[in-house]
C-alpha atoms as a PDB file:
ATOM      1  CA  ILE A   1     122.551 148.045 104.957  1.00  0.00           C
ATOM      2  CA  GLN A   2     125.705 146.995 102.810  1.00  0.00           C
ATOM      3  CA  HIS A   3     125.384 143.502 104.198  1.00  0.00           C
ATOM      4  CA  PHE A   4     121.936 143.065 103.560  1.00  0.00           C
ATOM      5  CA  ILE A   5     121.937 143.831  99.737  1.00  0.00           C
ATOM      6  CA  LEU A   6     124.939 141.541  99.493  1.00  0.00           C
ATOM      7  CA  THR A   7     123.102 138.100 101.013  1.00  0.00           C
ATOM      8  CA  GLN A   8     120.028 139.633  98.939  1.00  0.00           C
ATOM      9  CA  ARG A   9     121.720 139.102  95.797  1.00  0.00           C
ATOM     10  CA  PHE A  10     123.281 136.068  96.804  1.00  0.00           C
ATOM     11  CA  TYR A  11     120.104 134.075  97.677  1.00  0.00           C
ATOM     12  CA  SER A  12     118.452 135.656  94.516  1.00  0.00           C
ATOM     13  CA  SER A  13     120.999 133.972  92.343  1.00  0.00           C
ATOM     14  CA  HIS A  14     120.878 130.924  94.312  1.00  0.00           C
ATOM     15  CA  TYR A  15     116.948 130.915  94.083  1.00  0.00           C
ATOM     16  CA  ASN A  16     117.172 131.269  89.977  1.00  0.00           C
ATOM     17  CA  GLU A  17     119.760 128.230  89.657  1.00  0.00           C
ATOM     18  CA  TYR A  18     117.267 126.326  92.267  1.00  0.00           C
ATOM     19  CA  LYS A  19     114.173 127.008  90.010  1.00  0.00           C
ATOM     20  CA  SER A  20     115.980 125.786  86.928  1.00  0.00           C
ATOM     21  CA  TYR A  21     117.133 122.685  88.824  1.00  0.00           C
ATOM     22  CA  LEU A  22     113.712 121.976  89.648  1.00  0.00           C
ATOM     23  CA  SER A  23     112.325 122.504  85.959  1.00  0.00           C
ATOM     24  CA  ARG A  24     115.009 119.796  84.863  1.00  0.00           C
ATOM     25  CA  MET A  25     113.912 117.197  87.589  1.00  0.00           C
ATOM     26  CA  GLN A  26     111.584 114.593  86.537  1.00  0.00           C
ATOM     27  CA  PRO A  27     108.554 113.506  88.967  1.00  0.00           C
ATOM     28  CA  VAL A  28     109.482 110.635  91.044  1.00  0.00           C
ATOM     29  CA  LYS A  29     107.363 107.532  90.523  1.00  0.00           C
ATOM     30  CA  LEU A  30     105.942 106.709  94.192  1.00  0.00           C
ATOM     31  CA  PHE A  31     103.843 103.666  93.465  1.00  0.00           C
ATOM     32  CA  SER A  32     102.867 101.556  90.666  1.00  0.00           C
ATOM     33  CA  LYS A  33      98.690 100.521  90.309  1.00  0.00           C
ATOM     34  CA  GLY A  34      97.962  97.090  90.864  1.00  0.00           C
ATOM     35  CA  ILE A  35      94.470  94.946  90.521  1.00  0.00           C
ATOM     36  CA  VAL A  36      93.026  92.849  92.844  1.00  0.00           C
ATOM     37  CA  THR A  37      92.426  89.334  90.838  1.00  0.00           C
ATOM     38  CA  GLY A  38      91.158  87.085  93.547  1.00  0.00           C
ATOM     39  CA  PHE A  39      92.495  84.877  96.191  1.00  0.00           C
ATOM     40  CA  ARG A  40      95.127  81.828  95.985  1.00  0.00           C
ATOM     41  CA  ARG A  41      92.940  78.891  95.095  1.00  0.00           C
ATOM     42  CA  GLY A  42      93.092  75.303  94.522  1.00  0.00           C
ATOM     43  CA  LEU A  43      89.965  73.749  92.416  1.00  0.00           C
ATOM     44  CA  ARG A  44      87.781  73.697  95.442  1.00  0.00           C
ATOM     45  CA  ASN A  45      89.098  75.477  98.428  1.00  0.00           C
ATOM     46  CA  GLN A  46      90.434  79.449  98.416  1.00  0.00           C
ATOM     47  CA  THR A  47      93.320  80.432 100.835  1.00  0.00           C
ATOM     48  CA  VAL A  48      92.327  84.514 101.781  1.00  0.00           C
ATOM     49  CA  ASN A  49      95.444  84.950 103.560  1.00  0.00           C
ATOM     50  CA  THR A  50      97.452  85.157 100.489  1.00  0.00           C
ATOM     51  CA  SER A  51      95.893  87.650  97.713  1.00  0.00           C
ATOM     52  CA  LEU A  52      96.795  87.742  94.024  1.00  0.00           C
ATOM     53  CA  VAL A  53      97.503  90.809  92.248  1.00  0.00           C
ATOM     54  CA  LYS A  54      98.104  91.995  88.898  1.00  0.00           C
ATOM     55  CA  ILE A  55     100.986  94.780  88.706  1.00  0.00           C
ATOM     56  CA  GLU A  56     100.597  97.237  85.568  1.00  0.00           C
ATOM     57  CA  GLY A  57     103.562  96.953  83.528  1.00  0.00           C
ATOM     58  CA  VAL A  58     104.599  93.374  85.027  1.00  0.00           C
ATOM     59  CA  GLU A  59     104.301  90.809  82.011  1.00  0.00           C
ATOM     60  CA  SER A  60     106.518  88.003  83.174  1.00  0.00           C
ATOM     61  CA  LYS A  61     108.112  86.496  86.213  1.00  0.00           C
ATOM     62  CA  LYS A  62     111.438  87.915  85.457  1.00  0.00           C
ATOM     63  CA  ASP A  63     109.383  91.513  85.992  1.00  0.00           C
ATOM     64  CA  VAL A  64     108.403  90.256  89.270  1.00  0.00           C
ATOM     65  CA  ASP A  65     111.812  90.287  91.101  1.00  0.00           C
ATOM     66  CA  PHE A  66     111.933  93.871  91.276  1.00  0.00           C
ATOM     67  CA  TYR A  67     108.351  93.770  93.407  1.00  0.00           C
ATOM     68  CA  LEU A  68     109.179  90.938  95.862  1.00  0.00           C
ATOM     69  CA  GLY A  69     109.112  92.730  99.301  1.00  0.00           C
ATOM     70  CA  LYS A  70     107.590  95.732  98.187  1.00  0.00           C
ATOM     71  CA  ARG A  71     104.739  97.015 100.393  1.00  0.00           C
ATOM     72  CA  VAL A  72     100.954  97.223  99.112  1.00  0.00           C
ATOM     73  CA  ALA A  73      98.554  99.470 100.249  1.00  0.00           C
ATOM     74  CA  TYR A  74      94.696  98.797  99.673  1.00  0.00           C
ATOM     75  CA  ILE A  75      92.876 101.601 100.059  1.00  0.00           C
ATOM     76  CA  TYR A  76      88.932 102.171 100.922  1.00  0.00           C
ATOM     77  CA  ARG A  77      86.378 104.297 101.970  1.00  0.00           C
ATOM     78  CA  ALA A  78      84.517 103.251 105.324  1.00  0.00           C
ATOM     79  CA  GLN A  79      81.321 104.658 106.673  1.00  0.00           C
ATOM     80  CA  LYS A  80      81.982 106.112 109.901  1.00  0.00           C
ATOM     81  CA  LYS A  81      85.087 108.972 109.851  1.00  0.00           C
ATOM     82  CA  ARG A  82      87.724 107.978 112.090  1.00  0.00           C
ATOM     83  CA  LYS A  83      90.714 110.251 113.146  1.00  0.00           C
ATOM     84  CA  ASN A  84      94.104 109.849 111.234  1.00  0.00           C
ATOM     85  CA  ARG A  85      96.859 109.009 113.649  1.00  0.00           C
ATOM     86  CA  ILE A  86      99.736 111.038 111.628  1.00  0.00           C
ATOM     87  CA  THR A  87      97.714 114.066 110.343  1.00  0.00           C
ATOM     88  CA  LYS A  88      95.159 114.377 113.400  1.00  0.00           C
ATOM     89  CA  ARG A  89      92.322 114.747 110.864  1.00  0.00           C
ATOM     90  CA  GLU A  90      89.022 113.049 110.720  1.00  0.00           C
ATOM     91  CA  THR A  91      88.578 111.007 107.436  1.00  0.00           C
ATOM     92  CA  LYS A  92      86.953 107.938 105.761  1.00  0.00           C
ATOM     93  CA  LEU A  93      89.548 106.612 104.014  1.00  0.00           C
ATOM     94  CA  ARG A  94      91.773 103.813 105.587  1.00  0.00           C
ATOM     95  CA  VAL A  95      93.979 101.313 104.556  1.00  0.00           C
ATOM     96  CA  ILE A  96      95.173  97.607 104.651  1.00  0.00           C
ATOM     97  CA  TRP A  97      98.969  97.253 104.074  1.00  0.00           C
ATOM     98  CA  GLY A  98     100.366  94.061 103.057  1.00  0.00           C
ATOM     99  CA  LYS A  99     103.624  93.078 101.235  1.00  0.00           C
ATOM    100  CA  VAL A 100     104.699  91.303  97.655  1.00  0.00           C
ATOM    101  CA  ARG A 101     105.718  87.698  98.565  1.00  0.00           C
ATOM    102  CA  ARG A 102     106.429  85.757  95.650  1.00  0.00           C
ATOM    103  CA  ALA A 103     105.490  85.667  92.275  1.00  0.00           C
ATOM    104  CA  HIS A 104     102.199  83.441  90.944  1.00  0.00           C
ATOM    105  CA  GLY A 105     102.700  81.879  87.818  1.00  0.00           C
ATOM    106  CA  SER A 106     104.813  82.984  84.755  1.00  0.00           C
ATOM    107  CA  SER A 107     102.538  85.983  83.399  1.00  0.00           C
ATOM    108  CA  GLY A 108     103.700  88.415  86.375  1.00  0.00           C
ATOM    109  CA  ALA A 109     100.862  88.063  88.617  1.00  0.00           C
ATOM    110  CA  VAL A 110     102.114  87.971  92.484  1.00  0.00           C
ATOM    111  CA  ARG A 111     101.100  86.577  95.693  1.00  0.00           C
ATOM    112  CA  CYS A 112     100.638  89.131  98.688  1.00  0.00           C
ATOM    113  CA  SER A 113      99.796  89.001 101.952  1.00  0.00           C
ATOM    114  CA  PHE A 114      98.053  91.759 104.212  1.00  0.00           C
ATOM    115  CA  ARG A 115      98.079  92.240 107.852  1.00  0.00           C
ATOM    116  CA  THR A 116      94.278  91.621 108.014  1.00  0.00           C
ATOM    117  CA  ASN A 117      93.131  89.439 104.964  1.00  0.00           C
ATOM    118  CA  LEU A 118      91.331  91.513 102.258  1.00  0.00           C
ATOM    119  CA  PRO A 119      87.381  91.852 102.124  1.00  0.00           C
ATOM    120  CA  PRO A 120      85.778  90.068  99.006  1.00  0.00           C
ATOM    121  CA  LYS A 121      84.900  93.509  97.928  1.00  0.00           C
ATOM    122  CA  ALA A 122      88.688  94.166  97.253  1.00  0.00           C
ATOM    123  CA  ILE A 123      88.545  91.844  94.169  1.00  0.00           C
ATOM    124  CA  GLY A 124      88.948  93.970  90.789  1.00  0.00           C
ATOM    125  CA  ALA A 125      89.934  96.734  93.152  1.00  0.00           C
ATOM    126  CA  THR A 126      93.024  98.923  92.913  1.00  0.00           C
ATOM    127  CA  VAL A 127      96.173  98.234  95.355  1.00  0.00           C
ATOM    128  CA  ARG A 128      99.270 100.720  95.038  1.00  0.00           C
ATOM    129  CA  VAL A 129     102.586  99.017  95.134  1.00  0.00           C
ATOM    130  CA  MET A 130     104.975 101.206  96.681  1.00  0.00           C
ATOM    131  CA  MET A 131     108.813 101.758  95.725  1.00  0.00           C
ATOM    132  CA  TYR A 132     109.895 100.743  98.680  1.00  0.00           C
ATOM    133  CA  PRO A 133     111.570  99.362 100.369  1.00  0.00           C
ATOM    134  CA  SER A 134     114.387  99.085  97.971  1.00  0.00           C
ATOM    135  CA  ARG A 135     116.696  95.640  98.070  1.00  0.00           C
ATOM    136  CA  THR A 136     119.508  97.341  96.340  1.00  0.00           C
END
């Protein structure tokens, strides 16, 4: 019984430390918001396998360097439910994954390529630019 009381005290003291540690922690940013502005194009032809994305808070070519190689997720809602591979639940949400390839111009826009080309309804929609993989 005495052992039980000692372990209880030990865990409760550590639990209080852990709670104070959690209250000091800042929330971790997992992704930045981006907006699909269109496809890479010339005057008459557009290249649909390269999408242009404007990332929130990125204003110059120098800022783009951090985001090169980062994963991009275009999340959309479909008509029919499909079973999610990870959670095993039925959901209407689907994802098209892509990657930031390079800068586009000098105002902070980036070129992204996705596993399947983005549909035209994605223009003006938001995407998530994930903070991984890290290049440091």
